[in-house]
């Protein structure tokens, strides 16, 4: 169905809309009310000790999604780290903050269908990990600890860690995916930076970009 914006609705109301236009307007307004109801449900705060959900989002949109959720009074979190210092035409470009987890953010609300459906109404949100029936729940204590470590710079790109040369398998040691094991996809050397790994998540092979600081060689 073609999207009808506010100007089209206002114009239709001033010129005696046809029956088809009335049905289209009713459908648009009904959908807006449905979305508003679900987002209001997601905005009801859970307790401080309640678990967090993991949302898969479009890569590069982690901050935008967090800001949209917070603007709707929904609790959201994107742990941050300092990225890589770069050079362009012999000019040094200072490192900038970037998400620790690429393509994922954390959100907290009541664990019910309306609240979780509300999270999915936001642009760039792809899915809730685990789905409605068995969402991946991360303990509040684990999230708090993970975010504190990120704030202290423990996951920064330039932070040296154990050298991974020749390592083919790793285990995730921190964050919402702690305990998962995966295969190293990219060659890793130098003992700092990120790695692309492939893990089995909900019976699917999923590539992830992870800081070496939260990976342990196997």
N, C-alpha and C. Protein backbone atom coordinates (compact mmCIF):
# COMPACT_ATOMS: atom_id res chain seq x y z
N UNK A 1 0.84 -1.19 0.00
CA UNK A 1 0.00 0.00 0.00
C UNK A 1 0.88 1.25 0.00
N UNK A 2 0.51 2.24 -0.82
CA UNK A 2 1.27 3.48 -0.87
C UNK A 2 1.12 4.24 0.45
N UNK A 3 2.23 4.74 0.97
CA UNK A 3 2.19 5.47 2.24
C UNK A 3 1.51 6.81 2.06
N UNK A 4 0.63 7.14 2.99
CA UNK A 4 -0.09 8.42 2.95
C UNK A 4 0.49 9.31 4.04
N UNK A 5 1.00 10.48 3.69
CA UNK A 5 1.59 11.35 4.70
C UNK A 5 0.54 12.31 5.25
N UNK A 6 0.94 13.12 6.24
CA UNK A 6 0.02 14.04 6.91
C UNK A 6 -0.60 15.03 5.94
N UNK A 7 0.15 15.55 4.98
CA UNK A 7 -0.39 16.51 4.02
C UNK A 7 -1.51 15.89 3.19
N UNK A 8 -1.32 14.65 2.80
CA UNK A 8 -2.37 13.97 2.01
C UNK A 8 -3.63 13.76 2.85
N UNK A 9 -3.45 13.42 4.12
CA UNK A 9 -4.60 13.24 5.00
C UNK A 9 -5.36 14.55 5.17
N UNK A 10 -4.62 15.64 5.45
CA UNK A 10 -5.26 16.95 5.64
C UNK A 10 -5.98 17.40 4.37
N UNK A 11 -5.34 17.17 3.21
CA UNK A 11 -5.97 17.57 1.95
C UNK A 11 -7.24 16.76 1.71
N UNK A 12 -7.17 15.47 2.00
CA UNK A 12 -8.35 14.62 1.80
C UNK A 12 -9.51 15.04 2.68
N UNK A 13 -9.20 15.45 3.93
CA UNK A 13 -10.26 15.84 4.85
C UNK A 13 -10.96 17.12 4.42
N UNK A 14 -10.27 17.98 3.67
CA UNK A 14 -10.87 19.26 3.25
C UNK A 14 -11.62 19.15 1.93
N UNK A 15 -11.57 18.00 1.28
CA UNK A 15 -12.23 17.92 -0.04
C UNK A 15 -13.15 16.71 -0.15
N UNK A 16 -13.74 16.36 0.98
CA UNK A 16 -14.71 15.26 0.99
C UNK A 16 -14.12 14.00 0.33
N UNK A 17 -13.29 13.27 1.07
CA UNK A 17 -12.61 12.11 0.50
C UNK A 17 -13.58 11.04 0.03
N UNK A 18 -13.13 10.27 -0.92
CA UNK A 18 -13.92 9.16 -1.41
C UNK A 18 -13.90 8.03 -0.38
N UNK A 19 -14.72 7.02 -0.62
CA UNK A 19 -14.77 5.88 0.29
C UNK A 19 -13.42 5.17 0.36
N UNK A 20 -12.74 5.04 -0.78
CA UNK A 20 -11.42 4.40 -0.80
C UNK A 20 -10.40 5.20 0.00
N UNK A 21 -10.47 6.52 -0.15
CA UNK A 21 -9.55 7.37 0.61
C UNK A 21 -9.82 7.27 2.11
N UNK A 22 -11.08 7.20 2.48
CA UNK A 22 -11.44 7.07 3.91
C UNK A 22 -10.89 5.77 4.49
N UNK A 23 -11.01 4.70 3.72
CA UNK A 23 -10.50 3.42 4.20
C UNK A 23 -8.98 3.47 4.34
N UNK A 24 -8.31 4.12 3.39
CA UNK A 24 -6.85 4.22 3.44
C UNK A 24 -6.42 5.06 4.65
N UNK A 25 -7.14 6.17 4.88
CA UNK A 25 -6.82 7.03 6.03
C UNK A 25 -7.04 6.27 7.34
N UNK A 26 -8.15 5.56 7.42
CA UNK A 26 -8.44 4.78 8.63
C UNK A 26 -7.34 3.74 8.89
N UNK A 27 -6.87 3.13 7.81
CA UNK A 27 -5.83 2.11 7.95
C UNK A 27 -4.53 2.72 8.46
N UNK A 28 -4.17 3.87 7.92
CA UNK A 28 -2.94 4.55 8.35
C UNK A 28 -3.04 4.97 9.81
N UNK A 29 -4.15 5.57 10.18
CA UNK A 29 -4.32 6.03 11.56
C UNK A 29 -4.37 4.84 12.53
N UNK A 30 -5.00 3.76 12.11
CA UNK A 30 -5.05 2.57 12.95
C UNK A 30 -3.65 2.00 13.18
N UNK A 31 -2.83 1.99 12.13
CA UNK A 31 -1.46 1.49 12.25
C UNK A 31 -0.65 2.39 13.18
N UNK A 32 -0.85 3.70 13.07
CA UNK A 32 -0.13 4.62 13.96
C UNK A 32 -0.51 4.38 15.42
N UNK A 33 -1.79 4.15 15.66
CA UNK A 33 -2.22 3.88 17.04
C UNK A 33 -1.63 2.56 17.55
N UNK A 34 -1.57 1.57 16.66
CA UNK A 34 -1.02 0.27 17.04
C UNK A 34 0.45 0.40 17.42
N UNK A 35 1.21 1.12 16.59
CA UNK A 35 2.64 1.32 16.86
C UNK A 35 2.83 2.10 18.16
N UNK A 36 2.03 3.15 18.34
CA UNK A 36 2.14 3.97 19.56
C UNK A 36 1.85 3.14 20.80
N UNK A 37 0.85 2.24 20.71
CA UNK A 37 0.51 1.40 21.86
C UNK A 37 1.66 0.46 22.20
N UNK A 38 2.27 -0.15 21.20
CA UNK A 38 3.36 -1.09 21.45
C UNK A 38 4.60 -0.38 21.97
N UNK A 39 4.87 0.82 21.43
CA UNK A 39 6.03 1.57 21.93
C UNK A 39 5.81 2.04 23.37
N UNK A 40 4.57 2.39 23.69
CA UNK A 40 4.26 2.78 25.07
C UNK A 40 4.48 1.60 26.02
N UNK A 41 4.15 0.39 25.56
CA UNK A 41 4.38 -0.80 26.38
C UNK A 41 5.87 -1.02 26.60
N UNK A 42 6.68 -0.80 25.54
CA UNK A 42 8.13 -0.98 25.66
C UNK A 42 8.76 0.08 26.55
N UNK A 43 8.09 1.23 26.69
CA UNK A 43 8.63 2.33 27.49
C UNK A 43 8.39 2.14 28.99
N UNK A 44 7.56 1.17 29.37
CA UNK A 44 7.36 0.90 30.80
C UNK A 44 8.62 0.26 31.34
N UNK A 45 9.26 0.93 32.30
CA UNK A 45 10.58 0.50 32.77
C UNK A 45 10.52 -0.81 33.55
N UNK A 46 11.47 -1.66 33.26
CA UNK A 46 11.66 -2.88 34.04
C UNK A 46 12.53 -2.53 35.25
N UNK A 47 12.63 -3.43 36.20
CA UNK A 47 13.44 -3.19 37.38
C UNK A 47 14.92 -3.14 37.07
N UNK A 48 15.70 -2.51 37.96
CA UNK A 48 17.13 -2.36 37.73
C UNK A 48 17.86 -3.70 37.64
N UNK A 49 17.27 -4.74 38.21
CA UNK A 49 17.90 -6.06 38.16
C UNK A 49 17.32 -6.93 37.05
N UNK A 50 16.47 -6.34 36.20
CA UNK A 50 15.86 -7.09 35.10
C UNK A 50 16.88 -7.33 33.98
N UNK A 51 16.73 -8.41 33.24
CA UNK A 51 17.68 -8.71 32.16
C UNK A 51 17.49 -7.80 30.96
N UNK A 52 18.49 -7.80 30.11
CA UNK A 52 18.48 -7.00 28.88
C UNK A 52 18.26 -7.91 27.68
N UNK A 53 17.63 -7.35 26.65
CA UNK A 53 17.49 -8.01 25.36
C UNK A 53 18.61 -7.56 24.43
N UNK A 54 18.92 -8.39 23.45
CA UNK A 54 19.91 -8.03 22.43
C UNK A 54 19.17 -7.81 21.11
N UNK A 55 19.31 -6.63 20.55
CA UNK A 55 18.68 -6.31 19.26
C UNK A 55 19.73 -6.35 18.16
N UNK A 56 19.41 -7.04 17.09
CA UNK A 56 20.28 -6.97 15.91
C UNK A 56 19.81 -5.79 15.07
N UNK A 57 20.75 -4.92 14.72
CA UNK A 57 20.41 -3.70 13.98
C UNK A 57 21.31 -3.60 12.75
N UNK A 58 20.94 -2.71 11.84
CA UNK A 58 21.77 -2.49 10.66
C UNK A 58 23.13 -1.98 11.08
N UNK A 59 24.18 -2.54 10.49
CA UNK A 59 25.54 -2.14 10.82
C UNK A 59 25.73 -0.64 10.55
N UNK A 60 26.31 0.04 11.52
CA UNK A 60 26.53 1.48 11.40
C UNK A 60 25.38 2.31 11.93
N UNK A 61 24.28 1.65 12.34
CA UNK A 61 23.11 2.37 12.84
C UNK A 61 22.90 2.17 14.33
N UNK A 62 23.91 1.63 15.02
CA UNK A 62 23.76 1.31 16.44
C UNK A 62 23.41 2.56 17.25
N UNK A 63 24.12 3.65 17.03
CA UNK A 63 23.88 4.88 17.81
C UNK A 63 22.53 5.49 17.46
N UNK A 64 22.19 5.48 16.17
CA UNK A 64 20.91 6.05 15.74
C UNK A 64 19.74 5.31 16.36
N UNK A 65 19.82 3.96 16.40
CA UNK A 65 18.74 3.18 17.01
C UNK A 65 18.66 3.46 18.50
N UNK A 66 19.82 3.49 19.17
CA UNK A 66 19.81 3.80 20.61
C UNK A 66 19.14 5.15 20.87
N UNK A 67 19.49 6.15 20.07
CA UNK A 67 18.92 7.49 20.27
C UNK A 67 17.41 7.49 20.03
N UNK A 68 16.96 6.75 19.01
CA UNK A 68 15.53 6.67 18.73
C UNK A 68 14.78 6.00 19.88
N UNK A 69 15.36 4.93 20.42
CA UNK A 69 14.72 4.24 21.54
C UNK A 69 14.66 5.15 22.77
N UNK A 70 15.75 5.82 23.06
CA UNK A 70 15.77 6.70 24.22
C UNK A 70 14.81 7.88 24.06
N UNK A 71 14.66 8.37 22.83
CA UNK A 71 13.70 9.45 22.57
C UNK A 71 12.28 9.00 22.85
N UNK A 72 12.02 7.69 22.73
CA UNK A 72 10.70 7.12 23.03
C UNK A 72 10.63 6.64 24.48
N UNK A 73 11.64 7.02 25.29
CA UNK A 73 11.69 6.67 26.71
C UNK A 73 11.88 5.17 26.94
N UNK A 74 12.54 4.52 26.00
CA UNK A 74 12.85 3.09 26.12
C UNK A 74 14.32 2.96 26.48
N UNK A 75 14.60 2.12 27.46
CA UNK A 75 15.97 1.96 27.96
C UNK A 75 16.82 1.24 26.91
N UNK A 76 17.94 1.85 26.54
CA UNK A 76 18.82 1.26 25.53
C UNK A 76 20.27 1.56 25.88
N UNK A 77 21.17 0.71 25.40
CA UNK A 77 22.58 0.85 25.76
C UNK A 77 23.46 0.38 24.61
N UNK A 78 24.48 1.18 24.31
CA UNK A 78 25.49 0.80 23.33
C UNK A 78 26.87 1.03 23.98
N UNK A 79 27.48 -0.01 24.55
CA UNK A 79 28.83 0.15 25.10
C UNK A 79 29.79 0.63 24.01
N UNK A 80 30.66 1.58 24.36
CA UNK A 80 31.53 2.21 23.37
C UNK A 80 33.01 1.95 23.68
N UNK A 81 33.81 1.99 22.63
CA UNK A 81 35.26 1.87 22.76
C UNK A 81 35.92 2.86 21.81
N UNK A 82 37.21 3.13 22.02
CA UNK A 82 37.95 3.95 21.08
C UNK A 82 38.38 3.08 19.90
N UNK A 83 38.17 3.63 18.71
CA UNK A 83 38.53 2.89 17.51
C UNK A 83 39.99 3.07 17.14
N UNK A 84 40.29 2.82 15.89
CA UNK A 84 41.66 2.84 15.38
C UNK A 84 42.06 4.24 14.95
N UNK A 85 43.30 4.62 15.29
CA UNK A 85 43.85 5.86 14.76
C UNK A 85 44.21 5.64 13.31
N UNK A 86 43.83 6.54 12.44
CA UNK A 86 44.02 6.34 11.01
C UNK A 86 44.86 7.45 10.39
N UNK A 87 45.31 7.21 9.18
CA UNK A 87 46.05 8.21 8.42
C UNK A 87 45.41 8.37 7.04
N UNK A 88 45.35 9.61 6.62
CA UNK A 88 44.82 9.91 5.29
C UNK A 88 45.70 10.99 4.67
N UNK A 89 46.37 10.62 3.58
CA UNK A 89 47.29 11.55 2.91
C UNK A 89 48.31 12.10 3.90
N UNK A 90 48.92 11.20 4.65
CA UNK A 90 49.94 11.54 5.64
C UNK A 90 49.43 12.40 6.80
N UNK A 91 48.12 12.53 6.89
CA UNK A 91 47.54 13.29 8.00
C UNK A 91 46.94 12.31 9.01
N UNK A 92 47.29 12.51 10.27
CA UNK A 92 46.81 11.63 11.32
C UNK A 92 45.37 12.00 11.68
N UNK A 93 44.49 10.98 11.65
CA UNK A 93 43.10 11.17 12.03
C UNK A 93 42.91 10.54 13.40
N UNK A 94 42.57 11.34 14.41
CA UNK A 94 42.45 10.79 15.77
C UNK A 94 41.40 9.68 15.85
N UNK A 95 41.63 8.75 16.77
CA UNK A 95 40.67 7.68 16.99
C UNK A 95 39.35 8.24 17.49
N UNK A 96 38.26 7.63 17.08
CA UNK A 96 36.93 8.06 17.51
C UNK A 96 36.23 6.92 18.24
N UNK A 97 35.26 7.30 19.05
CA UNK A 97 34.48 6.28 19.75
C UNK A 97 33.61 5.51 18.75
N UNK A 98 33.47 4.22 19.00
CA UNK A 98 32.62 3.39 18.16
C UNK A 98 32.04 2.27 19.03
N UNK A 99 30.95 1.65 18.59
CA UNK A 99 30.36 0.58 19.39
C UNK A 99 31.30 -0.60 19.58
N UNK A 100 31.29 -1.17 20.77
CA UNK A 100 32.06 -2.39 21.01
C UNK A 100 31.49 -3.53 20.17
N UNK A 101 30.17 -3.62 20.14
CA UNK A 101 29.49 -4.67 19.38
C UNK A 101 28.96 -4.10 18.07
N UNK A 102 29.45 -4.58 16.97
CA UNK A 102 29.02 -4.10 15.67
C UNK A 102 27.74 -4.82 15.25
N UNK A 103 26.68 -4.05 15.00
CA UNK A 103 25.43 -4.65 14.54
C UNK A 103 24.49 -5.10 15.64
N UNK A 104 24.82 -4.77 16.90
CA UNK A 104 23.97 -5.17 18.02
C UNK A 104 23.88 -4.03 19.05
N UNK A 105 22.72 -3.91 19.69
CA UNK A 105 22.58 -3.01 20.82
C UNK A 105 21.79 -3.74 21.91
N UNK A 106 21.80 -3.18 23.10
CA UNK A 106 21.07 -3.75 24.23
C UNK A 106 19.86 -2.89 24.54
N UNK A 107 18.75 -3.50 24.87
CA UNK A 107 17.53 -2.78 25.24
C UNK A 107 16.88 -3.51 26.41
N UNK A 108 16.18 -2.75 27.24
CA UNK A 108 15.52 -3.37 28.39
C UNK A 108 14.08 -2.87 28.50
N UNK A 109 13.19 -3.80 28.64
CA UNK A 109 11.76 -3.50 28.82
C UNK A 109 11.11 -4.73 29.44
N UNK A 110 9.82 -4.68 29.66
CA UNK A 110 9.12 -5.87 30.13
C UNK A 110 9.19 -6.95 29.05
N UNK A 111 9.35 -8.18 29.48
CA UNK A 111 9.43 -9.28 28.51
C UNK A 111 8.01 -9.78 28.21
N UNK A 112 7.33 -9.09 27.30
CA UNK A 112 6.02 -9.53 26.84
C UNK A 112 5.90 -9.20 25.36
N UNK A 113 4.88 -9.72 24.73
CA UNK A 113 4.75 -9.61 23.27
C UNK A 113 4.63 -8.17 22.80
N UNK A 114 3.78 -7.36 23.47
CA UNK A 114 3.59 -5.98 23.05
C UNK A 114 4.89 -5.18 23.15
N UNK A 115 5.61 -5.33 24.26
CA UNK A 115 6.84 -4.57 24.45
C UNK A 115 7.89 -4.94 23.40
N UNK A 116 8.06 -6.24 23.18
CA UNK A 116 9.07 -6.67 22.21
C UNK A 116 8.66 -6.29 20.79
N UNK A 117 7.36 -6.35 20.51
CA UNK A 117 6.88 -5.91 19.19
C UNK A 117 7.15 -4.42 19.00
N UNK A 118 7.04 -3.65 20.08
CA UNK A 118 7.31 -2.22 20.01
C UNK A 118 8.75 -1.94 19.61
N UNK A 119 9.69 -2.73 20.11
CA UNK A 119 11.09 -2.55 19.75
C UNK A 119 11.31 -2.75 18.25
N UNK A 120 10.56 -3.66 17.67
CA UNK A 120 10.73 -3.98 16.25
C UNK A 120 10.13 -2.93 15.32
N UNK A 121 9.40 -1.96 15.87
CA UNK A 121 8.80 -0.93 15.01
C UNK A 121 9.78 0.18 14.66
N UNK A 122 10.96 0.17 15.29
CA UNK A 122 11.92 1.24 15.04
C UNK A 122 12.76 0.95 13.80
N UNK A 123 13.03 2.01 13.06
CA UNK A 123 13.82 1.88 11.84
C UNK A 123 15.20 1.31 12.16
N UNK A 124 15.69 0.46 11.30
CA UNK A 124 17.02 -0.17 11.37
C UNK A 124 17.11 -1.30 12.39
N UNK A 125 16.03 -1.60 13.12
CA UNK A 125 16.03 -2.78 14.00
C UNK A 125 15.65 -3.98 13.14
N UNK A 126 16.52 -4.98 13.11
CA UNK A 126 16.31 -6.16 12.26
C UNK A 126 15.54 -7.24 13.01
N UNK A 127 15.97 -7.53 14.25
CA UNK A 127 15.33 -8.61 14.99
C UNK A 127 15.73 -8.55 16.46
N UNK A 128 15.01 -9.32 17.27
CA UNK A 128 15.37 -9.56 18.66
C UNK A 128 16.02 -10.94 18.69
N UNK A 129 17.24 -11.02 19.20
CA UNK A 129 17.92 -12.31 19.19
C UNK A 129 17.15 -13.34 20.01
N UNK A 130 16.86 -14.45 19.38
CA UNK A 130 16.10 -15.51 20.02
C UNK A 130 14.62 -15.46 19.72
N UNK A 131 14.14 -14.30 19.25
CA UNK A 131 12.72 -14.17 18.91
C UNK A 131 11.83 -14.02 20.13
N UNK A 132 10.52 -14.01 19.89
CA UNK A 132 9.54 -13.81 20.95
C UNK A 132 9.51 -14.96 21.96
N UNK A 133 9.65 -16.17 21.44
CA UNK A 133 9.44 -17.34 22.29
C UNK A 133 10.56 -17.54 23.30
N UNK A 134 11.80 -17.36 22.86
CA UNK A 134 12.93 -17.59 23.76
C UNK A 134 14.03 -16.56 23.49
N UNK A 135 13.76 -15.29 23.79
CA UNK A 135 14.76 -14.25 23.54
C UNK A 135 16.02 -14.47 24.37
N UNK A 136 17.16 -14.07 23.80
CA UNK A 136 18.40 -14.11 24.55
C UNK A 136 18.35 -13.04 25.64
N UNK A 137 18.43 -13.45 26.90
CA UNK A 137 18.36 -12.53 28.03
C UNK A 137 19.73 -12.45 28.68
N UNK A 138 20.21 -11.22 28.88
CA UNK A 138 21.52 -11.01 29.47
C UNK A 138 21.32 -10.41 30.86
N UNK A 139 21.93 -11.02 31.86
CA UNK A 139 21.76 -10.56 33.23
C UNK A 139 22.21 -9.10 33.39
N UNK A 140 21.46 -8.35 34.20
CA UNK A 140 21.76 -6.94 34.43
C UNK A 140 23.19 -6.75 34.96
N UNK A 141 23.60 -7.63 35.84
CA UNK A 141 24.94 -7.53 36.42
C UNK A 141 26.01 -7.67 35.34
N UNK A 142 25.79 -8.60 34.40
CA UNK A 142 26.76 -8.80 33.32
C UNK A 142 26.84 -7.58 32.41
N UNK A 143 25.68 -6.99 32.11
CA UNK A 143 25.65 -5.81 31.25
C UNK A 143 26.35 -4.64 31.94
N UNK A 144 26.07 -4.45 33.21
CA UNK A 144 26.69 -3.36 33.96
C UNK A 144 28.21 -3.51 33.98
N UNK A 145 28.68 -4.71 34.23
CA UNK A 145 30.12 -4.98 34.27
C UNK A 145 30.75 -4.75 32.89
N UNK A 146 30.09 -5.23 31.84
CA UNK A 146 30.58 -5.08 30.47
C UNK A 146 30.69 -3.61 30.10
N UNK A 147 29.67 -2.82 30.44
CA UNK A 147 29.68 -1.40 30.10
C UNK A 147 30.75 -0.65 30.89
N UNK A 148 30.95 -1.03 32.14
CA UNK A 148 31.99 -0.39 32.95
C UNK A 148 33.38 -0.64 32.35
N UNK A 149 33.62 -1.87 31.93
CA UNK A 149 34.91 -2.19 31.31
C UNK A 149 35.10 -1.38 30.02
N UNK A 150 34.03 -1.25 29.25
CA UNK A 150 34.11 -0.45 28.02
C UNK A 150 34.45 1.00 28.34
N UNK A 151 33.81 1.56 29.36
CA UNK A 151 34.07 2.94 29.75
C UNK A 151 35.51 3.15 30.23
N UNK A 152 36.11 2.10 30.80
CA UNK A 152 37.49 2.18 31.27
C UNK A 152 38.50 1.97 30.15
N UNK A 153 38.03 1.68 28.95
CA UNK A 153 38.93 1.50 27.82
C UNK A 153 39.49 0.11 27.65
N UNK A 154 38.89 -0.87 28.33
CA UNK A 154 39.45 -2.23 28.28
C UNK A 154 39.24 -2.92 26.94
N UNK A 155 38.36 -2.37 26.08
CA UNK A 155 38.10 -2.98 24.78
C UNK A 155 38.58 -2.10 23.62
N UNK A 156 39.34 -1.04 23.94
CA UNK A 156 39.79 -0.12 22.89
C UNK A 156 40.64 -0.84 21.84
N UNK A 157 40.60 -0.32 20.62
CA UNK A 157 41.28 -0.95 19.49
C UNK A 157 42.77 -1.12 19.75
N UNK A 158 43.41 -0.09 20.33
CA UNK A 158 44.85 -0.11 20.50
C UNK A 158 45.31 -0.84 21.76
N UNK A 159 44.38 -1.34 22.54
CA UNK A 159 44.78 -2.04 23.76
C UNK A 159 45.44 -3.37 23.41
N UNK A 160 46.70 -3.57 23.83
CA UNK A 160 47.38 -4.84 23.49
C UNK A 160 46.83 -6.00 24.29
N UNK A 161 46.66 -7.13 23.62
CA UNK A 161 46.19 -8.35 24.28
C UNK A 161 47.05 -9.52 23.81
N UNK A 162 46.66 -10.72 24.20
CA UNK A 162 47.41 -11.90 23.81
C UNK A 162 47.49 -12.00 22.28
N UNK A 163 48.64 -12.34 21.77
CA UNK A 163 48.81 -12.46 20.32
C UNK A 163 48.02 -13.66 19.80
N UNK A 164 47.35 -13.47 18.66
CA UNK A 164 46.47 -14.50 18.12
C UNK A 164 47.00 -15.13 16.84
N UNK A 165 48.27 -14.94 16.56
CA UNK A 165 48.83 -15.46 15.30
C UNK A 165 48.62 -16.98 15.23
N UNK A 166 48.02 -17.41 14.12
CA UNK A 166 47.84 -18.84 13.89
C UNK A 166 46.65 -19.46 14.61
N UNK A 167 45.91 -18.67 15.40
CA UNK A 167 44.77 -19.20 16.15
C UNK A 167 43.57 -19.35 15.22
N UNK A 168 42.91 -20.50 15.28
CA UNK A 168 41.76 -20.76 14.41
C UNK A 168 40.43 -20.72 15.16
N UNK A 169 40.46 -20.99 16.46
CA UNK A 169 39.23 -21.00 17.24
C UNK A 169 39.39 -20.13 18.48
N UNK A 170 38.30 -19.46 18.88
CA UNK A 170 38.33 -18.57 20.03
C UNK A 170 37.04 -18.72 20.84
N UNK A 171 37.11 -18.22 22.06
CA UNK A 171 35.92 -18.18 22.93
C UNK A 171 35.68 -16.74 23.34
N UNK A 172 34.42 -16.31 23.35
CA UNK A 172 34.07 -14.94 23.76
C UNK A 172 34.04 -14.92 25.29
N UNK A 173 34.77 -13.97 25.87
CA UNK A 173 34.95 -13.96 27.33
C UNK A 173 34.17 -12.87 28.05
N UNK A 174 33.48 -12.00 27.31
CA UNK A 174 32.76 -10.91 27.97
C UNK A 174 31.61 -10.46 27.08
N UNK A 175 30.67 -9.74 27.71
CA UNK A 175 29.54 -9.19 26.95
C UNK A 175 28.37 -10.14 26.84
N UNK A 176 27.38 -9.80 26.03
CA UNK A 176 26.15 -10.61 25.93
C UNK A 176 26.36 -11.98 25.31
N UNK A 177 27.48 -12.18 24.60
CA UNK A 177 27.71 -13.46 23.94
C UNK A 177 28.78 -14.29 24.67
N UNK A 178 29.03 -13.95 25.93
CA UNK A 178 30.07 -14.64 26.69
C UNK A 178 29.85 -16.15 26.69
N UNK A 179 30.94 -16.89 26.52
CA UNK A 179 30.87 -18.35 26.52
C UNK A 179 30.75 -18.98 25.15
N UNK A 180 30.31 -18.20 24.14
CA UNK A 180 30.20 -18.77 22.80
C UNK A 180 31.59 -18.96 22.20
N UNK A 181 31.74 -20.02 21.43
CA UNK A 181 33.00 -20.29 20.74
C UNK A 181 32.79 -20.11 19.24
N UNK A 182 33.86 -19.75 18.56
CA UNK A 182 33.71 -19.53 17.13
C UNK A 182 35.01 -19.74 16.37
N UNK A 183 34.89 -19.78 15.05
CA UNK A 183 36.03 -19.92 14.16
C UNK A 183 36.50 -18.54 13.72
N UNK A 184 37.81 -18.34 13.68
CA UNK A 184 38.38 -17.07 13.23
C UNK A 184 38.30 -17.02 11.71
N UNK A 185 37.66 -15.97 11.18
CA UNK A 185 37.49 -15.82 9.73
C UNK A 185 38.64 -15.01 9.15
N UNK A 186 39.02 -13.91 9.83
CA UNK A 186 40.10 -13.06 9.34
C UNK A 186 41.41 -13.47 10.00
N UNK A 187 42.51 -13.25 9.29
CA UNK A 187 43.82 -13.49 9.90
C UNK A 187 44.08 -12.42 10.95
N UNK A 188 44.60 -12.83 12.10
CA UNK A 188 44.78 -11.92 13.22
C UNK A 188 46.23 -11.94 13.66
N UNK A 189 46.81 -10.76 13.79
CA UNK A 189 48.19 -10.67 14.26
C UNK A 189 48.42 -9.34 14.94
N UNK A 190 49.50 -9.23 15.65
CA UNK A 190 49.84 -7.96 16.29
C UNK A 190 49.28 -7.78 17.67
N UNK A 191 48.33 -8.60 18.06
CA UNK A 191 47.84 -8.55 19.42
C UNK A 191 46.96 -7.37 19.75
N UNK A 192 46.33 -6.73 18.75
CA UNK A 192 45.39 -5.66 19.05
C UNK A 192 44.42 -5.52 17.89
N UNK A 193 43.31 -4.83 18.15
CA UNK A 193 42.33 -4.62 17.09
C UNK A 193 41.11 -5.52 17.20
N UNK A 194 40.51 -5.84 16.06
CA UNK A 194 39.29 -6.64 15.99
C UNK A 194 39.54 -7.92 15.20
N UNK A 195 38.62 -8.83 15.33
CA UNK A 195 38.64 -10.05 14.51
C UNK A 195 37.22 -10.34 14.05
N UNK A 196 37.10 -10.91 12.88
CA UNK A 196 35.81 -11.43 12.41
C UNK A 196 35.79 -12.91 12.77
N UNK A 197 34.78 -13.28 13.55
CA UNK A 197 34.64 -14.69 13.92
C UNK A 197 33.27 -15.18 13.49
N UNK A 198 33.12 -16.47 13.40
CA UNK A 198 31.85 -17.07 13.01
C UNK A 198 31.40 -18.00 14.13
N UNK A 199 30.23 -17.69 14.72
CA UNK A 199 29.73 -18.47 15.84
C UNK A 199 28.40 -19.12 15.47
N UNK A 200 28.06 -20.17 16.21
CA UNK A 200 26.76 -20.81 16.04
C UNK A 200 25.80 -20.18 17.04
N UNK A 201 24.83 -19.45 16.52
CA UNK A 201 23.88 -18.73 17.37
C UNK A 201 22.47 -19.14 16.98
N UNK A 202 21.77 -19.80 17.90
CA UNK A 202 20.42 -20.28 17.63
C UNK A 202 20.38 -21.13 16.36
N UNK A 203 21.35 -22.06 16.29
CA UNK A 203 21.44 -23.03 15.19
C UNK A 203 21.70 -22.38 13.84
N UNK A 204 22.31 -21.19 13.87
CA UNK A 204 22.69 -20.53 12.63
C UNK A 204 24.14 -20.06 12.73
N UNK A 205 24.85 -20.14 11.63
CA UNK A 205 26.23 -19.65 11.60
C UNK A 205 26.19 -18.14 11.38
N UNK A 206 26.72 -17.39 12.34
CA UNK A 206 26.62 -15.92 12.31
C UNK A 206 28.01 -15.29 12.40
N UNK A 207 28.40 -14.45 11.41
CA UNK A 207 29.68 -13.74 11.52
C UNK A 207 29.53 -12.54 12.46
N UNK A 208 30.56 -12.29 13.25
CA UNK A 208 30.57 -11.17 14.19
C UNK A 208 31.93 -10.50 14.17
N UNK A 209 31.93 -9.17 14.33
CA UNK A 209 33.18 -8.42 14.50
C UNK A 209 33.36 -8.19 15.99
N UNK A 210 34.45 -8.71 16.55
CA UNK A 210 34.68 -8.65 17.99
C UNK A 210 36.05 -8.08 18.31
N UNK A 211 36.18 -7.26 19.36
CA UNK A 211 37.51 -6.84 19.81
C UNK A 211 38.31 -8.04 20.29
N UNK A 212 39.60 -8.07 19.98
CA UNK A 212 40.43 -9.16 20.49
C UNK A 212 40.40 -9.22 22.01
N UNK A 213 40.15 -8.05 22.64
CA UNK A 213 40.16 -7.98 24.10
C UNK A 213 39.09 -8.85 24.75
N UNK A 214 38.07 -9.27 24.02
CA UNK A 214 37.05 -10.12 24.61
C UNK A 214 37.06 -11.52 24.00
N UNK A 215 38.21 -11.88 23.39
CA UNK A 215 38.37 -13.20 22.80
C UNK A 215 39.54 -13.92 23.48
N UNK A 216 39.39 -15.21 23.67
CA UNK A 216 40.45 -16.03 24.23
C UNK A 216 40.76 -17.15 23.24
N UNK A 217 42.03 -17.35 22.91
CA UNK A 217 42.38 -18.43 21.97
C UNK A 217 42.02 -19.81 22.54
N UNK A 218 41.62 -20.72 21.68
CA UNK A 218 41.37 -22.10 22.07
C UNK A 218 42.39 -23.03 21.40
